[in-house]
């Protein structure tokens, strides 16, 4: 067979309108040298692989849905466009996949680059007017962990006091001052943390990936997963924040911190929308304090009272701040009750009134030690009522429709084409890198498409 010689350069082999040319023009990765300068010696050792090349190497995999470093290496070896983007000529060798794997394993500080990369892309989107902050929609999706069910074991884990408990403590002190104004009495300032619910400390773990969480949710597969919590701006579908947790963490746990971060560091948020998993009392008050309107699907109310007379049988007098029972007696505010689920006002009836009441057997249980009926109201009830009053307005339904379209649609796009189905590496930090790169890839595509 006769051979032909061609005088071409790799520049000529990549079409002018190729997507990677647009990525190269849109994304400045010079910050990678700043972030990684402390990881490389300037005096000793052989010259390292350019850190920008390694970031591009991984980014290409998420842009084109290539699931592993080994497969990225194979694609880069036979793709002129990939070689051009990485800055590797036709006669040069593509970096080995193990080089990337060992770098991420041996130098954990390199992971800061992925968070900075995501932040830089979001910042560009804000500057280009693709993120307005008029509405922020939030949801989570499960990402399968690389954890074996065969190595499963059970353990008791103590619940840590986190940001949620600290916020409750702050509002609790505010409530105690309000209690003093209402009743003339004030309970002593809390000096220790409320006891945790021991039933929640029992969890399943895997020896292969102890940081993954065992997920059991209605309509979802059971097993070891991570959760990617994402906040998206529905104007152009730009993901503005990503938080990764084990699969057994409730959606509400990282929600307030994530929205606060976006509100203060990315773009001021005017309104937020979420599904019923985020309808917890503290969220209503915190978002109201931030000046953010909250459109949320309400959780169904459950009256767990064992007595025959339920809460609906009592009427509330807003002017006097008392409840009236079916027998016409008053239940007055007595104390501010704090539990793991929130902060509550307690309204108590007089024990003498309940003792002589003809409805006592229907209103109280035989095992009721207090001897008087009591009702609880969330301390954040005014904020909840204000947000609930919007449920009949068109703006409320429009916001929830946008949440469904952009949250579910974004997750579907990431799972289909940007590697958000499963995590190959193990550990929470590796899972966060994975989800950040997936979100960055989608943001880049949407930014380039919008900018033409």
Protein backbone atom coordinates (compact mmCIF):
# COMPACT_ATOMS: atom_id res chain seq x y z
CA UNK A 1 0.00 0.00 0.00
CA UNK A 2 1.37 3.39 -1.00
CA UNK A 3 1.63 5.95 1.79
CA UNK A 4 0.72 9.63 1.41
CA UNK A 5 2.36 12.48 3.23
CA UNK A 6 0.24 15.44 4.33
CA UNK A 7 1.53 18.73 5.67
CA UNK A 8 -1.16 19.65 8.20
CA UNK A 9 -1.30 21.04 11.70
CA UNK A 10 -3.71 20.08 14.47
CA UNK A 11 -5.17 23.57 14.19
CA UNK A 12 -6.33 22.78 10.65
CA UNK A 13 -7.93 19.48 11.70
CA UNK A 14 -10.39 21.07 14.16
CA UNK A 15 -13.43 22.76 12.54
CA UNK A 16 -13.79 26.48 13.15
CA UNK A 17 -17.25 26.06 14.71
CA UNK A 18 -16.34 23.15 16.98
CA UNK A 19 -17.82 23.32 20.47
CA UNK A 20 -14.45 23.02 22.20
CA UNK A 21 -13.26 26.15 20.39
CA UNK A 22 -16.18 27.98 21.98
CA UNK A 23 -15.31 26.54 25.39
CA UNK A 24 -11.69 27.65 25.00
CA UNK A 25 -12.81 31.18 24.10
CA UNK A 26 -15.35 31.39 26.92
CA UNK A 27 -13.43 29.85 29.83
CA UNK A 28 -10.22 31.35 31.23
CA UNK A 29 -8.41 28.73 33.33
CA UNK A 30 -5.44 30.85 34.35
CA UNK A 31 -6.68 30.77 37.96
CA UNK A 32 -5.69 27.08 38.11
CA UNK A 33 -2.01 28.08 38.30
CA UNK A 34 -2.80 30.34 41.25
CA UNK A 35 -4.75 27.61 43.08
CA UNK A 36 -2.12 24.90 42.54
CA UNK A 37 1.14 26.85 42.87
CA UNK A 38 1.81 25.50 46.37
CA UNK A 39 1.50 21.89 45.17
CA UNK A 40 4.51 21.98 42.82
CA UNK A 41 8.22 22.40 43.51
CA UNK A 42 10.02 24.97 41.40
CA UNK A 43 13.49 23.52 42.06
CA UNK A 44 13.29 19.73 42.29
CA UNK A 45 11.86 16.87 40.27
CA UNK A 46 11.02 16.51 36.62
CA UNK A 47 8.64 18.97 34.93
CA UNK A 48 5.03 18.13 35.89
CA UNK A 49 2.05 17.86 33.61
CA UNK A 50 0.43 21.28 33.26
CA UNK A 51 -2.36 21.50 35.88
CA UNK A 52 -4.59 23.30 33.36
CA UNK A 53 -4.27 20.26 31.07
CA UNK A 54 -5.45 18.01 33.90
CA UNK A 55 -8.47 20.21 34.63
CA UNK A 56 -9.37 20.26 30.92
CA UNK A 57 -8.84 16.50 30.80
CA UNK A 58 -11.55 15.94 33.42
CA UNK A 59 -13.82 18.70 32.13
CA UNK A 60 -13.88 17.12 28.66
CA UNK A 61 -15.13 13.89 30.23
CA UNK A 62 -18.09 15.66 31.83
CA UNK A 63 -18.84 17.79 28.77
CA UNK A 64 -19.17 14.68 26.62
CA UNK A 65 -20.49 12.24 29.23
CA UNK A 66 -17.38 10.03 29.37
CA UNK A 67 -17.67 8.23 32.73
CA UNK A 68 -14.07 7.26 33.62
CA UNK A 69 -10.50 8.59 33.32
CA UNK A 70 -9.48 5.46 31.42
CA UNK A 71 -12.12 6.13 28.76
CA UNK A 72 -11.19 9.84 28.64
CA UNK A 73 -7.61 8.84 27.87
CA UNK A 74 -8.77 6.60 25.02
CA UNK A 75 -10.97 9.34 23.54
CA UNK A 76 -8.26 11.99 23.82
CA UNK A 77 -5.75 9.69 22.08
CA UNK A 78 -7.83 9.41 18.88
CA UNK A 79 -9.69 12.76 18.85
CA UNK A 80 -8.04 15.72 17.17
CA UNK A 81 -10.46 18.14 18.81
CA UNK A 82 -9.71 16.80 22.29
CA UNK A 83 -5.95 16.99 21.61
CA UNK A 84 -6.33 20.56 20.38
CA UNK A 85 -8.28 21.61 23.49
CA UNK A 86 -5.72 19.98 25.80
CA UNK A 87 -2.84 21.54 23.90
CA UNK A 88 -1.33 18.14 23.00
CA UNK A 89 0.10 17.85 19.48
CA UNK A 90 -0.37 14.87 17.16
CA UNK A 91 3.01 13.36 18.00
CA UNK A 92 2.70 13.82 21.78
CA UNK A 93 1.41 11.33 24.30
CA UNK A 94 -1.87 11.90 26.12
CA UNK A 95 -1.54 11.94 29.96
CA UNK A 96 -2.12 8.52 31.47
CA UNK A 97 -5.40 8.03 33.30
CA UNK A 98 -3.55 6.87 36.43
CA UNK A 99 -1.74 10.22 36.60
CA UNK A 100 -5.06 11.98 37.09
CA UNK A 101 -6.29 9.41 39.60
CA UNK A 102 -3.13 9.55 41.68
CA UNK A 103 -3.08 13.34 41.63
CA UNK A 104 -6.60 13.50 43.07
CA UNK A 105 -5.76 10.85 45.66
CA UNK A 106 -2.33 12.09 46.77
CA UNK A 107 -3.03 15.83 46.67
CA UNK A 108 -6.46 16.47 48.23
CA UNK A 109 -5.83 20.23 48.06
CA UNK A 110 -6.14 19.97 44.27
CA UNK A 111 -9.89 19.52 44.82
CA UNK A 112 -10.25 23.21 45.61
CA UNK A 113 -9.77 23.80 41.88
CA UNK A 114 -13.11 22.17 41.07
CA UNK A 115 -15.03 24.41 43.47
CA UNK A 116 -13.21 27.46 42.08
CA UNK A 117 -13.94 26.31 38.51
CA UNK A 118 -17.65 26.06 39.26
CA UNK A 119 -17.61 29.48 40.96
CA UNK A 120 -15.78 31.11 38.05
CA UNK A 121 -18.31 29.82 35.51
CA UNK A 122 -21.25 30.98 37.65
CA UNK A 123 -19.58 34.38 38.03
CA UNK A 124 -19.27 34.68 34.25
CA UNK A 125 -22.94 33.80 33.85
CA UNK A 126 -23.89 36.53 36.33
CA UNK A 127 -21.77 39.11 34.49
CA UNK A 128 -23.36 38.15 31.17
CA UNK A 129 -26.85 38.66 32.63
CA UNK A 130 -27.85 35.00 32.57
CA UNK A 131 -28.62 34.96 36.32
CA UNK A 132 -31.11 37.50 37.69
CA UNK A 133 -32.03 36.21 41.16
CA UNK A 134 -35.74 36.85 40.55
CA UNK A 135 -36.38 33.21 41.48
CA UNK A 136 -34.19 30.44 42.90
CA UNK A 137 -35.44 26.86 42.62
CA UNK A 138 -33.95 24.05 44.68
CA UNK A 139 -34.12 20.27 44.68
CA UNK A 140 -31.88 17.22 45.16
CA UNK A 141 -31.16 14.09 43.16
CA UNK A 142 -29.59 10.79 44.15
CA UNK A 143 -26.23 9.72 42.72
CA UNK A 144 -25.29 6.07 43.19
CA UNK A 145 -22.21 5.55 45.35
CA UNK A 146 -19.47 3.02 44.65
CA UNK A 147 -20.34 1.08 47.81
CA UNK A 148 -21.02 -2.61 48.18
CA UNK A 149 -24.19 -3.87 49.88
CA UNK A 150 -22.23 -6.98 50.86
CA UNK A 151 -20.08 -4.86 53.19
CA UNK A 152 -23.09 -3.29 54.90
CA UNK A 153 -23.16 -2.92 58.69
CA UNK A 154 -25.17 -0.97 61.26
CA UNK A 155 -23.86 1.64 63.65
CA UNK A 156 -25.12 4.25 66.12
CA UNK A 157 -24.05 7.76 65.11
CA UNK A 158 -24.48 10.86 67.27
CA UNK A 159 -26.25 13.73 65.58
CA UNK A 160 -24.14 16.87 65.35
CA UNK A 161 -25.53 20.31 66.30
CA UNK A 162 -25.20 22.05 62.90
CA UNK A 163 -26.39 25.34 61.57
CA UNK A 164 -30.06 24.36 61.99
CA UNK A 165 -29.70 24.00 65.77
CA UNK A 166 -27.77 27.26 66.04
CA UNK A 167 -30.53 29.14 64.21
CA UNK A 168 -33.16 27.61 66.50
CA UNK A 169 -31.15 28.69 69.55
CA UNK A 170 -31.05 32.28 68.26
CA UNK A 171 -34.79 32.41 67.64
CA UNK A 172 -35.36 30.66 70.96
CA UNK A 173 -33.77 33.57 72.84
CA UNK A 174 -35.95 35.97 70.88
CA UNK A 175 -39.01 33.89 71.78
CA UNK A 176 -38.16 33.91 75.49
CA UNK A 177 -38.22 37.70 75.49
CA UNK A 178 -41.61 37.57 73.78
CA UNK A 179 -42.79 35.06 76.41
CA UNK A 180 -41.78 37.48 79.16
CA UNK A 181 -43.82 40.22 77.48
CA UNK A 182 -46.86 37.92 77.22
CA UNK A 183 -46.83 36.22 80.61
CA UNK A 184 -44.41 38.21 82.75
CA UNK A 185 -42.22 35.11 83.16
CA UNK A 186 -39.03 34.07 81.43
CA UNK A 187 -37.38 30.68 81.53
CA UNK A 188 -33.65 30.65 82.24
CA UNK A 189 -31.35 30.91 79.25
CA UNK A 190 -30.51 27.55 77.72
CA UNK A 191 -27.01 26.42 78.65
CA UNK A 192 -26.88 23.02 76.95
CA UNK A 193 -28.05 21.45 73.74
CA UNK A 194 -31.47 19.81 73.52
CA UNK A 195 -31.28 16.02 73.69
CA UNK A 196 -31.24 14.43 70.26
CA UNK A 197 -33.77 11.92 69.04
CA UNK A 198 -32.02 8.60 69.61
CA UNK A 199 -34.18 6.87 67.01
CA UNK A 200 -32.43 8.84 64.29
CA UNK A 201 -28.91 7.85 65.28
CA UNK A 202 -29.17 4.25 64.01
CA UNK A 203 -27.94 4.04 60.43
CA UNK A 204 -26.54 1.65 57.83
CA UNK A 205 -23.03 2.07 56.48
CA UNK A 206 -20.74 0.34 54.00
CA UNK A 207 -17.13 -0.63 54.63
CA UNK A 208 -16.22 0.16 51.00
CA UNK A 209 -17.48 3.75 51.28
CA UNK A 210 -18.35 4.69 54.87
CA UNK A 211 -19.25 8.26 53.88
CA UNK A 212 -22.10 7.21 51.57
CA UNK A 213 -25.60 7.14 53.07
CA UNK A 214 -28.21 4.41 52.84
CA UNK A 215 -31.22 5.99 51.11
CA UNK A 216 -34.78 4.84 51.76
CA UNK A 217 -37.28 7.17 50.10
CA UNK A 218 -40.73 6.51 48.63
CA UNK A 219 -40.45 5.99 44.90
CA UNK A 220 -36.64 5.89 44.98
CA UNK A 221 -34.26 2.92 44.88
CA UNK A 222 -32.89 1.69 48.19
CA UNK A 223 -29.13 1.51 48.60
CA UNK A 224 -26.01 3.58 49.18
CA UNK A 225 -26.18 6.96 47.47
CA UNK A 226 -25.05 10.55 47.64
CA UNK A 227 -27.41 13.48 47.22
CA UNK A 228 -26.59 16.45 45.00
CA UNK A 229 -28.53 19.46 46.27
CA UNK A 230 -28.68 22.14 43.58
CA UNK A 231 -30.11 25.65 43.40
CA UNK A 232 -30.87 26.85 39.88
CA UNK A 233 -31.80 30.20 38.40
CA UNK A 234 -34.67 29.46 35.98
CA UNK A 235 -33.99 32.42 33.66
CA UNK A 236 -31.43 30.41 31.67
CA UNK A 237 -31.11 27.26 33.80
CA UNK A 238 -27.78 28.19 35.39
CA UNK A 239 -26.92 26.13 38.49
CA UNK A 240 -25.81 28.65 41.12
CA UNK A 241 -24.97 26.34 44.04
CA UNK A 242 -24.13 22.68 44.62
CA UNK A 243 -23.98 20.89 47.98
CA UNK A 244 -23.34 17.15 48.32
CA UNK A 245 -24.45 15.06 51.30
CA UNK A 246 -24.81 11.34 52.08
CA UNK A 247 -28.00 9.78 50.78
CA UNK A 248 -29.64 9.55 54.21
CA UNK A 249 -29.56 13.31 54.86
CA UNK A 250 -32.90 15.11 54.60
CA UNK A 251 -33.23 17.74 51.87
CA UNK A 252 -33.99 20.47 54.40
CA UNK A 253 -30.64 20.20 56.19
CA UNK A 254 -28.38 22.07 53.70
CA UNK A 255 -31.16 24.25 52.27
CA UNK A 256 -30.86 27.43 54.32
CA UNK A 257 -27.07 27.55 54.15
CA UNK A 258 -27.15 27.06 50.40
CA UNK A 259 -29.69 29.81 49.78
CA UNK A 260 -27.86 32.16 52.14
CA UNK A 261 -24.64 31.55 50.21
CA UNK A 262 -26.31 32.33 46.86
CA UNK A 263 -28.08 35.38 48.30
CA UNK A 264 -24.91 36.90 49.75
CA UNK A 265 -22.18 35.73 47.36
CA UNK A 266 -23.72 35.09 43.93
CA UNK A 267 -26.79 37.26 43.35
CA UNK A 268 -29.49 38.68 45.68
CA UNK A 269 -32.53 36.37 45.60
CA UNK A 270 -36.02 37.85 45.42
CA UNK A 271 -38.03 34.62 45.66
CA UNK A 272 -37.40 30.91 46.24
CA UNK A 273 -39.45 27.87 45.22
CA UNK A 274 -39.23 24.29 46.47
CA UNK A 275 -41.27 21.13 46.91
CA UNK A 276 -42.84 19.87 50.14
CA UNK A 277 -39.55 18.42 51.47
CA UNK A 278 -38.44 22.00 52.17
CA UNK A 279 -41.63 23.06 53.96
CA UNK A 280 -40.30 23.28 57.51
CA UNK A 281 -41.15 26.17 59.87
CA UNK A 282 -37.64 27.58 60.31
CA UNK A 283 -37.24 28.07 56.54
CA UNK A 284 -40.27 30.39 56.40
CA UNK A 285 -38.86 32.70 59.07
CA UNK A 286 -35.24 32.72 57.89
CA UNK A 287 -36.16 33.46 54.26
CA UNK A 288 -38.55 36.19 55.39
CA UNK A 289 -35.72 37.77 57.39
CA UNK A 290 -33.60 37.71 54.23
CA UNK A 291 -36.41 39.46 52.34
CA UNK A 292 -37.02 36.39 50.13
CA UNK A 293 -40.55 35.36 49.15
CA UNK A 294 -41.04 31.62 49.71
CA UNK A 295 -43.20 29.53 47.37
CA UNK A 296 -43.33 25.98 48.69
CA UNK A 297 -45.64 23.00 48.35
CA UNK A 298 -47.23 22.59 51.82
CA UNK A 299 -46.74 19.35 53.68
CA UNK A 300 -49.96 17.52 54.59
CA UNK A 301 -51.04 18.22 58.16
CA UNK A 302 -51.21 15.25 60.54
CA UNK A 303 -53.02 15.50 63.87
CA UNK A 304 -51.40 12.82 66.02
CA UNK A 305 -53.54 13.60 69.07
CA UNK A 306 -55.07 10.41 70.46
CA UNK A 307 -58.03 12.24 71.99
CA UNK A 308 -61.39 12.31 70.22
CA UNK A 309 -61.53 16.11 70.15
CA UNK A 310 -58.90 17.21 67.64
CA UNK A 311 -57.30 20.60 67.15
CA UNK A 312 -60.04 21.70 64.75
CA UNK A 313 -62.51 21.76 67.64
CA UNK A 314 -60.62 24.69 69.22
CA UNK A 315 -60.93 28.29 68.00
CA UNK A 316 -58.17 30.91 68.19
CA UNK A 317 -58.76 34.49 69.37
CA UNK A 318 -55.98 36.52 67.79
CA UNK A 319 -56.64 39.71 69.80
CA UNK A 320 -56.42 38.01 73.19
CA UNK A 321 -53.91 35.39 72.00
CA UNK A 322 -55.88 32.49 73.49
CA UNK A 323 -57.63 29.35 72.27
CA UNK A 324 -61.23 28.58 73.20
CA UNK A 325 -62.16 24.94 73.80
CA UNK A 326 -65.58 23.43 72.83
CA UNK A 327 -66.74 24.05 76.42
CA UNK A 328 -65.92 27.77 76.17
CA UNK A 329 -62.82 27.74 78.41
CA UNK A 330 -59.55 29.48 77.54
CA UNK A 331 -56.15 27.96 76.76
CA UNK A 332 -53.50 30.61 77.48
CA UNK A 333 -49.82 30.74 76.36
CA UNK A 334 -47.70 29.15 79.07
CA UNK A 335 -44.23 28.37 77.74
CA UNK A 336 -41.94 28.20 74.72
CA UNK A 337 -41.21 24.55 73.94
CA UNK A 338 -38.08 23.53 72.08
CA UNK A 339 -37.57 20.13 70.47
CA UNK A 340 -35.48 18.65 67.69
CA UNK A 341 -38.24 19.43 65.17
CA UNK A 342 -38.62 23.12 65.99
CA UNK A 343 -39.79 25.84 68.35
CA UNK A 344 -43.38 25.96 69.63
CA UNK A 345 -45.72 28.04 71.76
CA UNK A 346 -47.68 25.91 74.21
CA UNK A 347 -51.23 26.93 75.16
CA UNK A 348 -52.55 25.29 78.35
CA UNK A 349 -56.01 25.05 79.80
CA UNK A 350 -56.57 25.51 83.54
CA UNK A 351 -56.39 22.18 85.36
CA UNK A 352 -59.51 23.04 87.37
CA UNK A 353 -61.50 23.72 84.20
CA UNK A 354 -60.48 20.38 82.71
CA UNK A 355 -61.21 18.54 85.98
CA UNK A 356 -64.88 19.54 85.99
CA UNK A 357 -65.43 19.56 82.22
CA UNK A 358 -68.17 17.25 80.85
CA UNK A 359 -66.03 16.70 77.72
CA UNK A 360 -62.98 15.54 79.68
CA UNK A 361 -63.11 11.92 78.49
CA UNK A 362 -63.25 13.08 74.84
CA UNK A 363 -60.60 15.76 75.25
CA UNK A 364 -57.97 14.05 77.44
CA UNK A 365 -56.43 10.60 77.51
CA UNK A 366 -56.47 8.51 80.66
CA UNK A 367 -52.67 8.49 80.61
CA UNK A 368 -52.39 12.29 80.38
CA UNK A 369 -50.24 13.21 83.39
CA UNK A 370 -50.73 16.98 83.10
CA UNK A 371 -54.47 16.73 83.68
CA UNK A 372 -55.13 19.69 81.35
CA UNK A 373 -55.43 20.03 77.58
CA UNK A 374 -52.62 21.76 75.73
CA UNK A 375 -52.08 22.87 72.12
CA UNK A 376 -48.91 23.73 70.26
CA UNK A 377 -48.34 26.45 67.65
CA UNK A 378 -45.13 26.90 65.73
CA UNK A 379 -43.18 29.95 66.85
CA UNK A 380 -42.83 30.78 63.16
CA UNK A 381 -46.60 30.59 62.49
CA UNK A 382 -46.95 34.25 61.31
CA UNK A 383 -44.34 33.71 58.57
CA UNK A 384 -45.93 30.41 57.56
CA UNK A 385 -49.37 32.02 57.28
CA UNK A 386 -48.07 34.88 55.15
CA UNK A 387 -46.40 32.48 52.71
CA UNK A 388 -49.43 30.15 52.69
CA UNK A 389 -51.71 33.04 51.71
CA UNK A 390 -50.04 33.12 48.27
CA UNK A 391 -51.26 29.66 47.27
CA UNK A 392 -54.23 31.07 45.34
CA UNK A 393 -52.10 33.54 43.37
CA UNK A 394 -50.83 32.97 39.85
CA UNK A 395 -47.25 33.88 40.84
CA UNK A 396 -47.18 30.97 43.29
CA UNK A 397 -48.21 28.38 40.69
CA UNK A 398 -45.87 29.86 38.06
CA UNK A 399 -42.92 29.62 40.46
CA UNK A 400 -43.67 25.97 41.28
CA UNK A 401 -44.05 25.13 37.58
CA UNK A 402 -40.63 26.65 36.92
CA UNK A 403 -39.21 24.63 39.79
CA UNK A 404 -40.51 21.41 38.29
CA UNK A 405 -39.28 22.22 34.77
CA UNK A 406 -35.84 23.51 35.65
CA UNK A 407 -34.97 21.25 38.61
CA UNK A 408 -36.22 18.00 37.13
CA UNK A 409 -35.09 18.95 33.62
CA UNK A 410 -31.61 19.92 34.78
CA UNK A 411 -31.16 16.66 36.69
CA UNK A 412 -32.35 14.70 33.65
CA UNK A 413 -29.83 16.49 31.40
CA UNK A 414 -27.00 15.85 33.85
CA UNK A 415 -27.85 12.18 34.26
CA UNK A 416 -28.22 11.64 30.53
CA UNK A 417 -25.14 13.46 29.30
CA UNK A 418 -22.98 14.71 32.18
CA UNK A 419 -22.18 11.71 34.42
CA UNK A 420 -24.57 12.39 37.30
CA UNK A 421 -25.87 8.81 37.41
CA UNK A 422 -23.14 7.36 39.62
CA UNK A 423 -19.85 8.18 41.34
CA UNK A 424 -16.90 5.92 40.58
CA UNK A 425 -14.60 7.33 43.27
CA UNK A 426 -15.26 6.93 46.98
CA UNK A 427 -15.75 9.48 49.73
CA UNK A 428 -17.82 12.63 50.20
CA UNK A 429 -15.13 14.95 48.80
CA UNK A 430 -14.77 12.86 45.64
CA UNK A 431 -18.55 12.87 45.23
CA UNK A 432 -18.58 16.65 45.59
CA UNK A 433 -15.88 17.00 42.89
CA UNK A 434 -17.96 14.78 40.63
CA UNK A 435 -21.18 16.78 41.10
CA UNK A 436 -19.38 20.12 40.74
CA UNK A 437 -17.83 19.07 37.42
CA UNK A 438 -21.21 17.84 36.18
CA UNK A 439 -22.86 21.16 37.07
CA UNK A 440 -19.97 23.13 35.56
CA UNK A 441 -20.25 21.22 32.27
CA UNK A 442 -23.97 21.94 32.00
CA UNK A 443 -23.50 25.61 32.94
CA UNK A 444 -20.85 25.98 30.24
CA UNK A 445 -23.13 24.50 27.59
CA UNK A 446 -26.03 26.73 28.56
CA UNK A 447 -23.84 29.83 28.76
CA UNK A 448 -22.30 29.24 25.32
CA UNK A 449 -25.70 28.49 23.81
CA UNK A 450 -27.22 31.67 25.23
CA UNK A 451 -24.30 33.82 24.14
CA UNK A 452 -24.40 32.44 20.60
